[in-house]
Amino acid sequence: MAKTKAKGATKLGRDSRPKYLGVKLFEGQETKPGMIIVRQRGTKFLPGENVRQGKDNTLYAVKKGVVKFKTKRIKRFDGSQRTAKIVNVK
């Protein structure tokens, strides 16, 4: 019989790594082309002028400029409305 448990039999250490989501550049900060502005899951922020959306919904700048945020009401297909935050680079 073994005196101690076999190695690797711990029940701890199964937590997932942090994803580091959120706004990376705030309003008034300058951007260069390709700089990430927002990392998100889903479309909490929508791309506006000079901003594109990656396949994982990351928003990034296309041109050099200053970040601006705007709130807009968007009508859905079923008639309901939603307030959306739009990110622009001007």
C-alpha atoms as a PDB file:
ATOM      1  CA  MET A   1       0.000   0.000   0.000  1.00  0.00           C
ATOM      2  CA  ALA A   2       1.127   3.508  -0.774  1.00  0.00           C
ATOM      3  CA  LYS A   3       1.906   5.744   2.168  1.00  0.00           C
ATOM      4  CA  THR A   4       0.777   8.936   0.314  1.00  0.00           C
ATOM      5  CA  LYS A   5      -1.569   9.692  -2.567  1.00  0.00           C
ATOM      6  CA  ALA A   6      -0.251   9.511  -6.093  1.00  0.00           C
ATOM      7  CA  LYS A   7       0.984  12.766  -7.600  1.00  0.00           C
ATOM      8  CA  GLY A   8      -1.536  14.765  -9.618  1.00  0.00           C
ATOM      9  CA  ALA A   9      -4.512  13.653  -7.542  1.00  0.00           C
ATOM     10  CA  THR A  10      -5.326  17.140  -6.226  1.00  0.00           C
ATOM     11  CA  LYS A  11      -8.885  18.425  -6.497  1.00  0.00           C
ATOM     12  CA  LEU A  12      -7.798  22.077  -6.584  1.00  0.00           C
ATOM     13  CA  GLY A  13      -6.575  24.329  -9.388  1.00  0.00           C
ATOM     14  CA  ARG A  14      -9.431  24.092 -11.892  1.00  0.00           C
ATOM     15  CA  ASP A  15     -10.211  27.810 -12.136  1.00  0.00           C
ATOM     16  CA  SER A  16     -10.199  29.356 -15.614  1.00  0.00           C
ATOM     17  CA  ARG A  17      -7.776  32.122 -16.566  1.00  0.00           C
ATOM     18  CA  PRO A  18      -9.009  35.736 -16.646  1.00  0.00           C
ATOM     19  CA  LYS A  19     -10.062  37.054 -20.065  1.00  0.00           C
ATOM     20  CA  TYR A  20      -9.076  40.736 -19.578  1.00  0.00           C
ATOM     21  CA  LEU A  21     -12.212  42.133 -21.237  1.00  0.00           C
ATOM     22  CA  GLY A  22     -13.407  45.739 -21.164  1.00  0.00           C
ATOM     23  CA  VAL A  23     -12.624  49.195 -22.513  1.00  0.00           C
ATOM     24  CA  LYS A  24      -8.919  49.594 -23.294  1.00  0.00           C
ATOM     25  CA  LEU A  25      -8.951  53.185 -24.642  1.00  0.00           C
ATOM     26  CA  PHE A  26     -11.276  55.743 -23.066  1.00  0.00           C
ATOM     27  CA  GLU A  27     -12.855  58.883 -24.521  1.00  0.00           C
ATOM     28  CA  GLY A  28     -10.340  61.538 -25.463  1.00  0.00           C
ATOM     29  CA  GLN A  29      -7.402  59.160 -25.859  1.00  0.00           C
ATOM     30  CA  GLU A  30      -5.533  59.024 -29.175  1.00  0.00           C
ATOM     31  CA  THR A  31      -5.445  55.896 -31.309  1.00  0.00           C
ATOM     32  CA  LYS A  32      -3.328  54.529 -34.108  1.00  0.00           C
ATOM     33  CA  PRO A  33      -4.607  52.133 -36.780  1.00  0.00           C
ATOM     34  CA  GLY A  34      -5.079  48.633 -35.352  1.00  0.00           C
ATOM     35  CA  MET A  35      -5.212  49.651 -31.686  1.00  0.00           C
ATOM     36  CA  ILE A  36      -7.822  47.771 -29.653  1.00  0.00           C
ATOM     37  CA  ILE A  37     -10.472  50.035 -28.127  1.00  0.00           C
ATOM     38  CA  VAL A  38     -12.885  47.509 -26.533  1.00  0.00           C
ATOM     39  CA  ARG A  39     -12.609  43.763 -25.883  1.00  0.00           C
ATOM     40  CA  GLN A  40     -16.048  42.250 -25.302  1.00  0.00           C
ATOM     41  CA  ARG A  41     -18.278  39.201 -25.473  1.00  0.00           C
ATOM     42  CA  GLY A  42     -21.315  40.014 -27.583  1.00  0.00           C
ATOM     43  CA  THR A  43     -22.038  43.512 -28.877  1.00  0.00           C
ATOM     44  CA  LYS A  44     -22.292  45.685 -25.788  1.00  0.00           C
ATOM     45  CA  PHE A  45     -20.462  48.408 -27.771  1.00  0.00           C
ATOM     46  CA  LEU A  46     -21.098  48.872 -31.504  1.00  0.00           C
ATOM     47  CA  PRO A  47     -18.560  50.057 -34.091  1.00  0.00           C
ATOM     48  CA  GLY A  48     -19.032  53.566 -35.465  1.00  0.00           C
ATOM     49  CA  GLU A  49     -16.943  55.860 -37.635  1.00  0.00           C
ATOM     50  CA  ASN A  50     -13.401  54.563 -38.376  1.00  0.00           C
ATOM     51  CA  VAL A  51     -13.936  51.537 -36.074  1.00  0.00           C
ATOM     52  CA  ARG A  52     -14.212  47.893 -37.139  1.00  0.00           C
ATOM     53  CA  GLN A  53     -15.337  44.757 -35.309  1.00  0.00           C
ATOM     54  CA  GLY A  54     -13.219  41.588 -35.189  1.00  0.00           C
ATOM     55  CA  LYS A  55     -14.563  38.038 -35.234  1.00  0.00           C
ATOM     56  CA  ASP A  56     -14.511  37.887 -31.413  1.00  0.00           C
ATOM     57  CA  ASN A  57     -16.454  41.218 -31.255  1.00  0.00           C
ATOM     58  CA  THR A  58     -13.298  43.215 -30.422  1.00  0.00           C
ATOM     59  CA  LEU A  59     -13.506  46.832 -31.583  1.00  0.00           C
ATOM     60  CA  TYR A  60     -10.355  48.341 -33.082  1.00  0.00           C
ATOM     61  CA  ALA A  61      -9.398  51.616 -34.772  1.00  0.00           C
ATOM     62  CA  VAL A  62      -8.929  51.847 -38.546  1.00  0.00           C
ATOM     63  CA  LYS A  63      -7.494  55.385 -38.675  1.00  0.00           C
ATOM     64  CA  LYS A  64      -5.479  57.643 -36.403  1.00  0.00           C
ATOM     65  CA  GLY A  65      -7.646  59.906 -34.249  1.00  0.00           C
ATOM     66  CA  VAL A  66      -9.362  60.453 -30.900  1.00  0.00           C
ATOM     67  CA  VAL A  67     -11.857  58.035 -29.320  1.00  0.00           C
ATOM     68  CA  LYS A  68     -15.443  59.277 -28.865  1.00  0.00           C
ATOM     69  CA  PHE A  69     -18.380  57.410 -27.295  1.00  0.00           C
ATOM     70  CA  LYS A  70     -22.013  58.088 -28.168  1.00  0.00           C
ATOM     71  CA  THR A  71     -25.300  56.621 -26.929  1.00  0.00           C
ATOM     72  CA  LYS A  72     -28.052  55.924 -29.451  1.00  0.00           C
ATOM     73  CA  ARG A  73     -31.448  54.243 -29.351  1.00  0.00           C
ATOM     74  CA  ILE A  74     -31.646  51.363 -31.803  1.00  0.00           C
ATOM     75  CA  LYS A  75     -34.953  49.858 -32.901  1.00  0.00           C
ATOM     76  CA  ARG A  76     -35.066  46.071 -33.120  1.00  0.00           C
ATOM     77  CA  PHE A  77     -37.025  44.023 -35.671  1.00  0.00           C
ATOM     78  CA  ASP A  78     -39.724  43.133 -33.147  1.00  0.00           C
ATOM     79  CA  GLY A  79     -40.410  46.821 -32.436  1.00  0.00           C
ATOM     80  CA  SER A  80     -38.617  47.016 -29.096  1.00  0.00           C
ATOM     81  CA  GLN A  81     -35.775  49.471 -28.526  1.00  0.00           C
ATOM     82  CA  ARG A  82     -32.328  49.225 -27.003  1.00  0.00           C
ATOM     83  CA  THR A  83     -29.802  51.877 -25.998  1.00  0.00           C
ATOM     84  CA  ALA A  84     -26.467  51.101 -27.606  1.00  0.00           C
ATOM     85  CA  LYS A  85     -23.045  52.602 -26.992  1.00  0.00           C
ATOM     86  CA  ILE A  86     -21.313  53.474 -30.265  1.00  0.00           C
ATOM     87  CA  VAL A  87     -17.543  53.943 -30.489  1.00  0.00           C
ATOM     88  CA  ASN A  88     -16.155  56.456 -33.006  1.00  0.00           C
ATOM     89  CA  VAL A  89     -12.627  57.595 -33.902  1.00  0.00           C
ATOM     90  CA  LYS A  90     -12.447  61.154 -35.199  1.00  0.00           C
END
